[in-house]
């Protein structure tokens, strides 16, 4: 099935959360929170303004986004589950991290979890 979202809607592939906490505790499916991050697969042309022109969306296909926990409509696309969201359900775009920033983030997570980073 090939889908093209309409107006200000976008199709998002949900990214699964880590199965373990920073301290190493493995979480069962029932204890995990609903995912809120995803990768945009397709975007609509945008909503129309008062003059009938499309207002371009702030996100594009390939962007990684954070969205409202209970926003959107879940559908099955082949063997994958995807979400159809309105642009207003998108809370933020995830900025690409550099390698140094990623290492700093991992060190900070360990420090917050109480582990010593040597």
PDB file of N, CA and C in Angstrom:
ATOM      1  N   UNK A   1       0.844  -1.170   0.000  1.00  0.00           N
ATOM      2  CA  UNK A   1       0.000   0.000   0.000  1.00  0.00           C
ATOM      3  C   UNK A   1       0.896   1.243   0.000  1.00  0.00           C
ATOM      4  N   UNK A   2       0.578   2.187  -0.829  1.00  0.00           N
ATOM      5  CA  UNK A   2       1.349   3.414  -0.949  1.00  0.00           C
ATOM      6  C   UNK A   2       0.473   4.565  -0.455  1.00  0.00           C
ATOM      7  N   UNK A   3       0.896   5.270   0.595  1.00  0.00           N
ATOM      8  CA  UNK A   3       0.090   6.349   1.162  1.00  0.00           C
ATOM      9  C   UNK A   3       0.739   7.703   0.928  1.00  0.00           C
ATOM     10  N   UNK A   4      -0.081   8.693   0.610  1.00  0.00           N
ATOM     11  CA  UNK A   4       0.361  10.082   0.508  1.00  0.00           C
ATOM     12  C   UNK A   4      -0.527  10.883   1.469  1.00  0.00           C
ATOM     13  N   UNK A   5       0.057  11.455   2.531  1.00  0.00           N
ATOM     14  CA  UNK A   5      -0.759  12.209   3.491  1.00  0.00           C
ATOM     15  C   UNK A   5      -1.339  13.479   2.861  1.00  0.00           C
ATOM     16  N   UNK A   6      -2.482  13.894   3.367  1.00  0.00           N
ATOM     17  CA  UNK A   6      -3.163  15.085   2.881  1.00  0.00           C
ATOM     18  C   UNK A   6      -2.936  16.259   3.828  1.00  0.00           C
ATOM     19  N   UNK A   7      -3.070  17.457   3.304  1.00  0.00           N
ATOM     20  CA  UNK A   7      -2.999  18.715   4.068  1.00  0.00           C
ATOM     21  C   UNK A   7      -1.766  18.760   4.967  1.00  0.00           C
ATOM     22  N   UNK A   8      -1.960  19.003   6.269  1.00  0.00           N
ATOM     23  CA  UNK A   8      -0.827  19.163   7.194  1.00  0.00           C
ATOM     24  C   UNK A   8      -0.525  17.871   7.957  1.00  0.00           C
ATOM     25  N   UNK A   9      -0.782  16.739   7.344  1.00  0.00           N
ATOM     26  CA  UNK A   9      -0.533  15.458   8.000  1.00  0.00           C
ATOM     27  C   UNK A   9       0.793  14.867   7.531  1.00  0.00           C
ATOM     28  N   UNK A  10       1.348  13.987   8.358  1.00  0.00           N
ATOM     29  CA  UNK A  10       2.576  13.293   8.005  1.00  0.00           C
ATOM     30  C   UNK A  10       2.512  11.861   8.481  1.00  0.00           C
ATOM     31  N   UNK A  11       3.238  10.998   7.820  1.00  0.00           N
ATOM     32  CA  UNK A  11       3.308   9.587   8.190  1.00  0.00           C
ATOM     33  C   UNK A  11       4.635   9.368   8.897  1.00  0.00           C
ATOM     34  N   UNK A  12       4.559   8.766  10.089  1.00  0.00           N
ATOM     35  CA  UNK A  12       5.735   8.592  10.938  1.00  0.00           C
ATOM     36  C   UNK A  12       5.921   7.128  11.291  1.00  0.00           C
ATOM     37  N   UNK A  13       7.148   6.651  11.123  1.00  0.00           N
ATOM     38  CA  UNK A  13       7.532   5.316  11.573  1.00  0.00           C
ATOM     39  C   UNK A  13       7.993   5.468  13.023  1.00  0.00           C
ATOM     40  N   UNK A  14       7.348   4.760  13.940  1.00  0.00           N
ATOM     41  CA  UNK A  14       7.667   4.880  15.357  1.00  0.00           C
ATOM     42  C   UNK A  14       8.984   4.176  15.651  1.00  0.00           C
ATOM     43  N   UNK A  15       9.880   4.857  16.358  1.00  0.00           N
ATOM     44  CA  UNK A  15      11.161   4.282  16.768  1.00  0.00           C
ATOM     45  C   UNK A  15      10.995   3.700  18.159  1.00  0.00           C
ATOM     46  N   UNK A  16      11.374   2.446  18.308  1.00  0.00           N
ATOM     47  CA  UNK A  16      11.231   1.771  19.597  1.00  0.00           C
ATOM     48  C   UNK A  16      12.223   2.319  20.609  1.00  0.00           C
ATOM     49  N   UNK A  17      11.800   2.332  21.875  1.00  0.00           N
ATOM     50  CA  UNK A  17      12.655   2.785  22.956  1.00  0.00           C
ATOM     51  C   UNK A  17      13.633   1.691  23.340  1.00  0.00           C
ATOM     52  N   UNK A  18      14.653   2.090  24.092  1.00  0.00           N
ATOM     53  CA  UNK A  18      15.600   1.109  24.601  1.00  0.00           C
ATOM     54  C   UNK A  18      14.870   0.178  25.570  1.00  0.00           C
ATOM     55  N   UNK A  19      15.278  -1.090  25.571  1.00  0.00           N
ATOM     56  CA  UNK A  19      14.618  -2.066  26.430  1.00  0.00           C
ATOM     57  C   UNK A  19      15.189  -2.090  27.834  1.00  0.00           C
ATOM     58  N   UNK A  20      16.270  -1.361  28.077  1.00  0.00           N
ATOM     59  CA  UNK A  20      16.888  -1.324  29.397  1.00  0.00           C
ATOM     60  C   UNK A  20      17.106   0.121  29.820  1.00  0.00           C
ATOM     61  N   UNK A  21      17.069   0.352  31.123  1.00  0.00           N
ATOM     62  CA  UNK A  21      17.343   1.684  31.635  1.00  0.00           C
ATOM     63  C   UNK A  21      18.841   1.930  31.587  1.00  0.00           C
ATOM     64  N   UNK A  22      19.257   3.154  31.893  1.00  0.00           N
ATOM     65  CA  UNK A  22      20.673   3.505  31.879  1.00  0.00           C
ATOM     66  C   UNK A  22      21.447   2.652  32.889  1.00  0.00           C
ATOM     67  N   UNK A  23      20.804   2.308  34.001  1.00  0.00           N
ATOM     68  CA  UNK A  23      21.477   1.509  35.022  1.00  0.00           C
ATOM     69  C   UNK A  23      21.464   0.015  34.705  1.00  0.00           C
ATOM     70  N   UNK A  24      20.857  -0.383  33.572  1.00  0.00           N
ATOM     71  CA  UNK A  24      20.917  -1.776  33.137  1.00  0.00           C
ATOM     72  C   UNK A  24      19.693  -2.605  33.451  1.00  0.00           C
ATOM     73  N   UNK A  25      18.656  -2.034  34.026  1.00  0.00           N
ATOM     74  CA  UNK A  25      17.439  -2.785  34.337  1.00  0.00           C
ATOM     75  C   UNK A  25      16.640  -2.971  33.056  1.00  0.00           C
ATOM     76  N   UNK A  26      16.312  -4.223  32.736  1.00  0.00           N
ATOM     77  CA  UNK A  26      15.546  -4.536  31.534  1.00  0.00           C
ATOM     78  C   UNK A  26      14.064  -4.342  31.842  1.00  0.00           C
ATOM     79  N   UNK A  27      13.380  -3.561  31.006  1.00  0.00           N
ATOM     80  CA  UNK A  27      11.964  -3.267  31.213  1.00  0.00           C
ATOM     81  C   UNK A  27      11.092  -4.222  30.407  1.00  0.00           C
ATOM     82  N   UNK A  28      10.078  -4.826  31.031  1.00  0.00           N
ATOM     83  CA  UNK A  28       9.137  -5.646  30.267  1.00  0.00           C
ATOM     84  C   UNK A  28       8.226  -4.754  29.434  1.00  0.00           C
ATOM     85  N   UNK A  29       7.562  -5.326  28.427  1.00  0.00           N
ATOM     86  CA  UNK A  29       6.681  -4.555  27.547  1.00  0.00           C
ATOM     87  C   UNK A  29       5.613  -3.792  28.320  1.00  0.00           C
ATOM     88  N   UNK A  30       5.070  -4.385  29.373  1.00  0.00           N
ATOM     89  CA  UNK A  30       3.985  -3.752  30.122  1.00  0.00           C
ATOM     90  C   UNK A  30       4.450  -2.536  30.913  1.00  0.00           C
ATOM     91  N   UNK A  31       5.745  -2.427  31.224  1.00  0.00           N
ATOM     92  CA  UNK A  31       6.258  -1.308  32.006  1.00  0.00           C
ATOM     93  C   UNK A  31       6.775  -0.163  31.146  1.00  0.00           C
ATOM     94  N   UNK A  32       6.889  -0.378  29.853  1.00  0.00           N
ATOM     95  CA  UNK A  32       7.418   0.659  28.967  1.00  0.00           C
ATOM     96  C   UNK A  32       6.359   1.717  28.678  1.00  0.00           C
ATOM     97  N   UNK A  33       6.827   2.931  28.518  1.00  0.00           N
ATOM     98  CA  UNK A  33       5.933   4.009  28.114  1.00  0.00           C
ATOM     99  C   UNK A  33       5.702   3.937  26.614  1.00  0.00           C
ATOM    100  N   UNK A  34       4.617   4.538  26.178  1.00  0.00           N
ATOM    101  CA  UNK A  34       4.320   4.589  24.746  1.00  0.00           C
ATOM    102  C   UNK A  34       5.398   5.426  24.065  1.00  0.00           C
ATOM    103  N   UNK A  35       5.955   4.947  22.938  1.00  0.00           N
ATOM    104  CA  UNK A  35       7.023   5.691  22.254  1.00  0.00           C
ATOM    105  C   UNK A  35       6.552   7.067  21.804  1.00  0.00           C
ATOM    106  N   UNK A  36       7.485   8.026  21.813  1.00  0.00           N
ATOM    107  CA  UNK A  36       7.175   9.375  21.391  1.00  0.00           C
ATOM    108  C   UNK A  36       8.148   9.892  20.339  1.00  0.00           C
ATOM    109  N   UNK A  37       8.993   9.018  19.816  1.00  0.00           N
ATOM    110  CA  UNK A  37       9.945   9.420  18.782  1.00  0.00           C
ATOM    111  C   UNK A  37       9.685   8.623  17.521  1.00  0.00           C
ATOM    112  N   UNK A  38       9.939   9.258  16.394  1.00  0.00           N
ATOM    113  CA  UNK A  38       9.733   8.564  15.136  1.00  0.00           C
ATOM    114  C   UNK A  38      10.471   9.237  14.001  1.00  0.00           C
ATOM    115  N   UNK A  39      10.479   8.546  12.870  1.00  0.00           N
ATOM    116  CA  UNK A  39      11.119   9.060  11.658  1.00  0.00           C
ATOM    117  C   UNK A  39      10.017   9.345  10.645  1.00  0.00           C
ATOM    118  N   UNK A  40      10.041  10.537  10.061  1.00  0.00           N
ATOM    119  CA  UNK A  40       9.024  10.952   9.104  1.00  0.00           C
ATOM    120  C   UNK A  40       9.246  10.214   7.783  1.00  0.00           C
ATOM    121  N   UNK A  41       8.221   9.512   7.315  1.00  0.00           N
ATOM    122  CA  UNK A  41       8.293   8.781   6.053  1.00  0.00           C
ATOM    123  C   UNK A  41       7.758   9.607   4.890  1.00  0.00           C
ATOM    124  N   UNK A  42       6.702  10.383   5.144  1.00  0.00           N
ATOM    125  CA  UNK A  42       6.099  11.199   4.084  1.00  0.00           C
ATOM    126  C   UNK A  42       5.365  12.374   4.706  1.00  0.00           C
ATOM    127  N   UNK A  43       5.294  13.479   3.971  1.00  0.00           N
ATOM    128  CA  UNK A  43       4.573  14.666   4.443  1.00  0.00           C
ATOM    129  C   UNK A  43       3.568  15.100   3.390  1.00  0.00           C
ATOM    130  N   UNK A  44       2.479  15.700   3.854  1.00  0.00           N
ATOM    131  CA  UNK A  44       1.478  16.235   2.949  1.00  0.00           C
ATOM    132  C   UNK A  44       1.920  17.588   2.398  1.00  0.00           C
ATOM    133  N   UNK A  45       1.128  18.157   1.505  1.00  0.00           N
ATOM    134  CA  UNK A  45       1.495  19.441   0.897  1.00  0.00           C
ATOM    135  C   UNK A  45       1.356  20.626   1.846  1.00  0.00           C
ATOM    136  N   UNK A  46       0.678  20.455   2.968  1.00  0.00           N
ATOM    137  CA  UNK A  46       0.489  21.540   3.928  1.00  0.00           C
ATOM    138  C   UNK A  46      -0.947  22.037   3.916  1.00  0.00           C
ATOM    139  N   UNK A  47      -1.319  22.693   4.998  1.00  0.00           N
ATOM    140  CA  UNK A  47      -2.654  23.275   5.092  1.00  0.00           C
ATOM    141  C   UNK A  47      -2.743  24.459   4.131  1.00  0.00           C
ATOM    142  N   UNK A  48      -3.947  24.912   3.871  1.00  0.00           N
ATOM    143  CA  UNK A  48      -4.133  26.063   2.979  1.00  0.00           C
ATOM    144  C   UNK A  48      -4.409  27.321   3.801  1.00  0.00           C
ATOM    145  N   UNK A  49      -3.881  28.458   3.318  1.00  0.00           N
ATOM    146  CA  UNK A  49      -4.153  29.728   3.981  1.00  0.00           C
ATOM    147  C   UNK A  49      -5.465  30.308   3.450  1.00  0.00           C
ATOM    148  N   UNK A  50      -5.780  31.543   3.824  1.00  0.00           N
ATOM    149  CA  UNK A  50      -7.032  32.175   3.413  1.00  0.00           C
ATOM    150  C   UNK A  50      -7.134  32.395   1.908  1.00  0.00           C
ATOM    151  N   UNK A  51      -6.004  32.420   1.214  1.00  0.00           N
ATOM    152  CA  UNK A  51      -5.988  32.652  -0.225  1.00  0.00           C
ATOM    153  C   UNK A  51      -5.881  31.352  -1.021  1.00  0.00           C
ATOM    154  N   UNK A  52      -5.912  30.211  -0.326  1.00  0.00           N
ATOM    155  CA  UNK A  52      -5.878  28.919  -0.998  1.00  0.00           C
ATOM    156  C   UNK A  52      -4.493  28.380  -1.294  1.00  0.00           C
ATOM    157  N   UNK A  53      -3.452  29.061  -0.833  1.00  0.00           N
ATOM    158  CA  UNK A  53      -2.083  28.584  -1.082  1.00  0.00           C
ATOM    159  C   UNK A  53      -1.656  27.654   0.057  1.00  0.00           C
ATOM    160  N   UNK A  54      -0.835  26.655  -0.292  1.00  0.00           N
ATOM    161  CA  UNK A  54      -0.342  25.704   0.705  1.00  0.00           C
ATOM    162  C   UNK A  54       0.698  26.362   1.604  1.00  0.00           C
ATOM    163  N   UNK A  55       0.594  26.075   2.897  1.00  0.00           N
ATOM    164  CA  UNK A  55       1.595  26.517   3.864  1.00  0.00           C
ATOM    165  C   UNK A  55       2.528  25.335   4.077  1.00  0.00           C
ATOM    166  N   UNK A  56       3.794  25.493   3.717  1.00  0.00           N
ATOM    167  CA  UNK A  56       4.764  24.401   3.775  1.00  0.00           C
ATOM    168  C   UNK A  56       4.977  23.935   5.217  1.00  0.00           C
ATOM    169  N   UNK A  57       5.129  22.622   5.406  1.00  0.00           N
ATOM    170  CA  UNK A  57       5.371  22.062   6.730  1.00  0.00           C
ATOM    171  C   UNK A  57       6.806  22.307   7.169  1.00  0.00           C
ATOM    172  N   UNK A  58       7.023  22.335   8.490  1.00  0.00           N
ATOM    173  CA  UNK A  58       8.358  22.555   9.049  1.00  0.00           C
ATOM    174  C   UNK A  58       9.195  21.281   9.092  1.00  0.00           C
ATOM    175  N   UNK A  59       8.583  20.134   8.836  1.00  0.00           N
ATOM    176  CA  UNK A  59       9.317  18.873   8.840  1.00  0.00           C
ATOM    177  C   UNK A  59       9.332  18.301   7.424  1.00  0.00           C
ATOM    178  N   UNK A  60      10.315  17.448   7.160  1.00  0.00           N
ATOM    179  CA  UNK A  60      10.449  16.823   5.849  1.00  0.00           C
ATOM    180  C   UNK A  60      10.659  15.324   6.032  1.00  0.00           C
ATOM    181  N   UNK A  61      10.478  14.573   4.970  1.00  0.00           N
ATOM    182  CA  UNK A  61      10.716  13.132   5.019  1.00  0.00           C
ATOM    183  C   UNK A  61      12.159  12.878   5.455  1.00  0.00           C
ATOM    184  N   UNK A  62      12.344  11.939   6.357  1.00  0.00           N
ATOM    185  CA  UNK A  62      13.673  11.609   6.857  1.00  0.00           C
ATOM    186  C   UNK A  62      13.994  12.256   8.195  1.00  0.00           C
ATOM    187  N   UNK A  63      13.258  13.295   8.599  1.00  0.00           N
ATOM    188  CA  UNK A  63      13.501  13.943   9.890  1.00  0.00           C
ATOM    189  C   UNK A  63      13.100  13.024  11.034  1.00  0.00           C
ATOM    190  N   UNK A  64      13.837  13.107  12.125  1.00  0.00           N
ATOM    191  CA  UNK A  64      13.460  12.395  13.344  1.00  0.00           C
ATOM    192  C   UNK A  64      12.734  13.394  14.231  1.00  0.00           C
ATOM    193  N   UNK A  65      11.548  13.014  14.735  1.00  0.00           N
ATOM    194  CA  UNK A  65      10.716  13.940  15.487  1.00  0.00           C
ATOM    195  C   UNK A  65      10.271  13.346  16.819  1.00  0.00           C
ATOM    196  N   UNK A  66       9.879  14.237  17.722  1.00  0.00           N
ATOM    197  CA  UNK A  66       9.239  13.869  18.981  1.00  0.00           C
ATOM    198  C   UNK A  66       7.793  14.322  18.847  1.00  0.00           C
ATOM    199  N   UNK A  67       6.845  13.424  19.164  1.00  0.00           N
ATOM    200  CA  UNK A  67       5.436  13.757  18.983  1.00  0.00           C
ATOM    201  C   UNK A  67       4.643  13.504  20.257  1.00  0.00           C
ATOM    202  N   UNK A  68       3.417  14.018  20.309  1.00  0.00           N
ATOM    203  CA  UNK A  68       2.543  13.848  21.469  1.00  0.00           C
ATOM    204  C   UNK A  68       2.333  12.371  21.759  1.00  0.00           C
ATOM    205  N   UNK A  69       2.291  12.040  23.026  1.00  0.00           N
ATOM    206  CA  UNK A  69       2.200  10.642  23.437  1.00  0.00           C
ATOM    207  C   UNK A  69       0.973   9.932  22.859  1.00  0.00           C
ATOM    208  N   UNK A  70      -0.163  10.594  22.864  1.00  0.00           N
ATOM    209  CA  UNK A  70      -1.386   9.946  22.386  1.00  0.00           C
ATOM    210  C   UNK A  70      -1.922  10.596  21.114  1.00  0.00           C
ATOM    211  N   UNK A  71      -1.053  11.269  20.364  1.00  0.00           N
ATOM    212  CA  UNK A  71      -1.468  11.926  19.128  1.00  0.00           C
ATOM    213  C   UNK A  71      -1.485  10.958  17.961  1.00  0.00           C
ATOM    214  N   UNK A  72      -2.251  11.289  16.950  1.00  0.00           N
ATOM    215  CA  UNK A  72      -2.227  10.543  15.703  1.00  0.00           C
ATOM    216  C   UNK A  72      -3.101   9.311  15.667  1.00  0.00           C
ATOM    217  N   UNK A  73      -3.095   8.676  14.506  1.00  0.00           N
ATOM    218  CA  UNK A  73      -3.860   7.460  14.258  1.00  0.00           C
ATOM    219  C   UNK A  73      -2.896   6.367  13.840  1.00  0.00           C
ATOM    220  N   UNK A  74      -2.932   5.235  14.553  1.00  0.00           N
ATOM    221  CA  UNK A  74      -2.057   4.108  14.227  1.00  0.00           C
ATOM    222  C   UNK A  74      -2.696   3.286  13.113  1.00  0.00           C
ATOM    223  N   UNK A  75      -1.892   2.954  12.101  1.00  0.00           N
ATOM    224  CA  UNK A  75      -2.371   2.069  11.038  1.00  0.00           C
ATOM    225  C   UNK A  75      -1.291   1.047  10.734  1.00  0.00           C
ATOM    226  N   UNK A  76      -1.700  -0.047  10.114  1.00  0.00           N
ATOM    227  CA  UNK A  76      -0.770  -1.091   9.703  1.00  0.00           C
ATOM    228  C   UNK A  76      -0.452  -0.875   8.228  1.00  0.00           C
ATOM    229  N   UNK A  77       0.832  -0.729   7.915  1.00  0.00           N
ATOM    230  CA  UNK A  77       1.281  -0.511   6.548  1.00  0.00           C
ATOM    231  C   UNK A  77       2.161  -1.698   6.179  1.00  0.00           C
ATOM    232  N   UNK A  78       1.566  -2.694   5.534  1.00  0.00           N
ATOM    233  CA  UNK A  78       2.280  -3.939   5.264  1.00  0.00           C
ATOM    234  C   UNK A  78       2.481  -4.659   6.588  1.00  0.00           C
ATOM    235  N   UNK A  79       3.729  -4.909   6.958  1.00  0.00           N
ATOM    236  CA  UNK A  79       4.008  -5.567   8.238  1.00  0.00           C
ATOM    237  C   UNK A  79       4.415  -4.549   9.302  1.00  0.00           C
ATOM    238  N   UNK A  80       4.466  -3.260   8.924  1.00  0.00           N
ATOM    239  CA  UNK A  80       4.893  -2.220   9.853  1.00  0.00           C
ATOM    240  C   UNK A  80       3.708  -1.425  10.385  1.00  0.00           C
ATOM    241  N   UNK A  81       3.846  -0.965  11.625  1.00  0.00           N
ATOM    242  CA  UNK A  81       2.869  -0.056  12.202  1.00  0.00           C
ATOM    243  C   UNK A  81       3.396   1.361  12.053  1.00  0.00           C
ATOM    244  N   UNK A  82       2.572   2.261  11.535  1.00  0.00           N
ATOM    245  CA  UNK A  82       2.962   3.662  11.365  1.00  0.00           C
ATOM    246  C   UNK A  82       1.881   4.548  11.976  1.00  0.00           C
ATOM    247  N   UNK A  83       2.227   5.812  12.174  1.00  0.00           N
ATOM    248  CA  UNK A  83       1.286   6.798  12.700  1.00  0.00           C
ATOM    249  C   UNK A  83       1.018   7.853  11.633  1.00  0.00           C
ATOM    250  N   UNK A  84      -0.229   8.286  11.549  1.00  0.00           N
ATOM    251  CA  UNK A  84      -0.554   9.457  10.752  1.00  0.00           C
ATOM    252  C   UNK A  84      -0.836  10.571  11.745  1.00  0.00           C
ATOM    253  N   UNK A  85       0.000  11.614  11.700  1.00  0.00           N
ATOM    254  CA  UNK A  85      -0.072  12.724  12.642  1.00  0.00           C
ATOM    255  C   UNK A  85      -0.373  14.026  11.921  1.00  0.00           C
ATOM    256  N   UNK A  86      -0.956  14.969  12.634  1.00  0.00           N
ATOM    257  CA  UNK A  86      -1.027  16.343  12.155  1.00  0.00           C
ATOM    258  C   UNK A  86       0.282  17.016  12.543  1.00  0.00           C
ATOM    259  N   UNK A  87       0.658  18.037  11.817  1.00  0.00           N
ATOM    260  CA  UNK A  87       1.892  18.747  12.141  1.00  0.00           C
ATOM    261  C   UNK A  87       1.827  19.312  13.562  1.00  0.00           C
ATOM    262  N   UNK A  88       0.649  19.671  14.033  1.00  0.00           N
ATOM    263  CA  UNK A  88       0.506  20.229  15.378  1.00  0.00           C
ATOM    264  C   UNK A  88       0.790  19.198  16.472  1.00  0.00           C
ATOM    265  N   UNK A  89       0.751  17.889  16.134  1.00  0.00           N
ATOM    266  CA  UNK A  89       1.089  16.835  17.103  1.00  0.00           C
ATOM    267  C   UNK A  89       2.597  16.666  17.252  1.00  0.00           C
ATOM    268  N   UNK A  90       3.373  17.237  16.332  1.00  0.00           N
ATOM    269  CA  UNK A  90       4.830  17.149  16.404  1.00  0.00           C
ATOM    270  C   UNK A  90       5.320  18.226  17.361  1.00  0.00           C
ATOM    271  N   UNK A  91       6.071  17.807  18.372  1.00  0.00           N
ATOM    272  CA  UNK A  91       6.552  18.733  19.392  1.00  0.00           C
ATOM    273  C   UNK A  91       7.924  19.297  19.066  1.00  0.00           C
ATOM    274  N   UNK A  92       8.786  18.491  18.422  1.00  0.00           N
ATOM    275  CA  UNK A  92      10.153  18.944  18.139  1.00  0.00           C
ATOM    276  C   UNK A  92      10.796  18.054  17.085  1.00  0.00           C
ATOM    277  N   UNK A  93      11.807  18.617  16.410  1.00  0.00           N
ATOM    278  CA  UNK A  93      12.664  17.828  15.524  1.00  0.00           C
ATOM    279  C   UNK A  93      13.918  17.500  16.308  1.00  0.00           C
ATOM    280  N   UNK A  94      14.426  16.283  16.138  1.00  0.00           N
ATOM    281  CA  UNK A  94      15.650  15.865  16.824  1.00  0.00           C
ATOM    282  C   UNK A  94      16.826  16.301  15.968  1.00  0.00           C
ATOM    283  N   UNK A  95      17.691  17.129  16.543  1.00  0.00           N
ATOM    284  CA  UNK A  95      18.865  17.617  15.821  1.00  0.00           C
ATOM    285  C   UNK A  95      19.913  16.518  15.769  1.00  0.00           C
ATOM    286  N   UNK A  96      20.641  16.448  14.676  1.00  0.00           N
ATOM    287  CA  UNK A  96      21.705  15.455  14.529  1.00  0.00           C
ATOM    288  C   UNK A  96      22.823  15.766  15.513  1.00  0.00           C
ATOM    289  N   UNK A  97      23.310  14.739  16.209  1.00  0.00           N
ATOM    290  CA  UNK A  97      24.393  14.911  17.173  1.00  0.00           C
ATOM    291  C   UNK A  97      25.726  14.623  16.511  1.00  0.00           C
ATOM    292  N   UNK A  98      26.719  15.367  16.923  1.00  0.00           N
ATOM    293  CA  UNK A  98      28.066  15.048  16.474  1.00  0.00           C
ATOM    294  C   UNK A  98      28.600  13.922  17.340  1.00  0.00           C
ATOM    295  N   UNK A  99      29.679  13.294  16.944  1.00  0.00           N
ATOM    296  CA  UNK A  99      30.250  12.180  17.692  1.00  0.00           C
ATOM    297  C   UNK A  99      30.663  12.610  19.096  1.00  0.00           C
ATOM    298  N   UNK A 100      31.264  13.796  19.231  1.00  0.00           N
ATOM    299  CA  UNK A 100      31.692  14.304  20.539  1.00  0.00           C
ATOM    300  C   UNK A 100      30.483  14.555  21.427  1.00  0.00           C
ATOM    301  N   UNK A 101      29.417  15.143  20.865  1.00  0.00           N
ATOM    302  CA  UNK A 101      28.216  15.416  21.650  1.00  0.00           C
ATOM    303  C   UNK A 101      27.565  14.117  22.115  1.00  0.00           C
ATOM    304  N   UNK A 102      27.580  13.078  21.280  1.00  0.00           N
ATOM    305  CA  UNK A 102      26.998  11.785  21.648  1.00  0.00           C
ATOM    306  C   UNK A 102      27.771  11.157  22.807  1.00  0.00           C
ATOM    307  N   UNK A 103      29.118  11.251  22.781  1.00  0.00           N
ATOM    308  CA  UNK A 103      29.927  10.698  23.861  1.00  0.00           C
ATOM    309  C   UNK A 103      29.675  11.461  25.159  1.00  0.00           C
ATOM    310  N   UNK A 104      29.548  12.776  25.081  1.00  0.00           N
ATOM    311  CA  UNK A 104      29.265  13.596  26.261  1.00  0.00           C
ATOM    312  C   UNK A 104      27.911  13.226  26.839  1.00  0.00           C
ATOM    313  N   UNK A 105      26.922  12.989  25.971  1.00  0.00           N
ATOM    314  CA  UNK A 105      25.592  12.618  26.420  1.00  0.00           C
ATOM    315  C   UNK A 105      25.631  11.276  27.148  1.00  0.00           C
ATOM    316  N   UNK A 106      26.354  10.283  26.622  1.00  0.00           N
ATOM    317  CA  UNK A 106      26.459   8.977  27.275  1.00  0.00           C
ATOM    318  C   UNK A 106      27.112   9.116  28.641  1.00  0.00           C
ATOM    319  N   UNK A 107      28.173   9.925  28.730  1.00  0.00           N
ATOM    320  CA  UNK A 107      28.860  10.137  30.000  1.00  0.00           C
ATOM    321  C   UNK A 107      27.911  10.786  30.996  1.00  0.00           C
ATOM    322  N   UNK A 108      27.138  11.755  30.552  1.00  0.00           N
ATOM    323  CA  UNK A 108      26.188  12.452  31.425  1.00  0.00           C
ATOM    324  C   UNK A 108      25.112  11.489  31.925  1.00  0.00           C
ATOM    325  N   UNK A 109      24.623  10.598  31.062  1.00  0.00           N
ATOM    326  CA  UNK A 109      23.610   9.626  31.476  1.00  0.00           C
ATOM    327  C   UNK A 109      24.157   8.706  32.570  1.00  0.00           C
ATOM    328  N   UNK A 110      25.425   8.267  32.394  1.00  0.00           N
ATOM    329  CA  UNK A 110      26.028   7.409  33.416  1.00  0.00           C
ATOM    330  C   UNK A 110      26.156   8.150  34.732  1.00  0.00           C
ATOM    331  N   UNK A 111      26.541   9.426  34.667  1.00  0.00           N
ATOM    332  CA  UNK A 111      26.686  10.214  35.889  1.00  0.00           C
ATOM    333  C   UNK A 111      25.336  10.386  36.574  1.00  0.00           C
ATOM    334  N   UNK A 112      24.290  10.621  35.799  1.00  0.00           N
ATOM    335  CA  UNK A 112      22.963  10.779  36.374  1.00  0.00           C
ATOM    336  C   UNK A 112      22.459   9.474  36.984  1.00  0.00           C
ATOM    337  N   UNK A 113      22.873   8.346  36.416  1.00  0.00           N
ATOM    338  CA  UNK A 113      22.455   7.047  36.933  1.00  0.00           C
ATOM    339  C   UNK A 113      23.276   6.631  38.155  1.00  0.00           C
ATOM    340  N   UNK A 114      24.291   7.410  38.503  1.00  0.00           N
ATOM    341  CA  UNK A 114      25.101   7.095  39.674  1.00  0.00           C
ATOM    342  C   UNK A 114      26.340   6.293  39.358  1.00  0.00           C
ATOM    343  N   UNK A 115      26.595   5.992  38.115  1.00  0.00           N
ATOM    344  CA  UNK A 115      27.782   5.237  37.730  1.00  0.00           C
ATOM    345  C   UNK A 115      28.957   6.202  37.593  1.00  0.00           C
ATOM    346  N   UNK A 116      30.130   5.728  37.872  1.00  0.00           N
ATOM    347  CA  UNK A 116      31.308   6.554  37.717  1.00  0.00           C
ATOM    348  C   UNK A 116      31.855   6.375  36.309  1.00  0.00           C
ATOM    349  N   UNK A 117      32.096   7.477  35.629  1.00  0.00           N
ATOM    350  CA  UNK A 117      32.604   7.418  34.252  1.00  0.00           C
ATOM    351  C   UNK A 117      34.097   7.729  34.287  1.00  0.00           C
ATOM    352  N   UNK A 118      34.917   6.686  34.126  1.00  0.00           N
ATOM    353  CA  UNK A 118      36.382   6.867  34.124  1.00  0.00           C
ATOM    354  C   UNK A 118      36.942   6.574  32.769  1.00  0.00           C
TER     355      UNK A 118
END
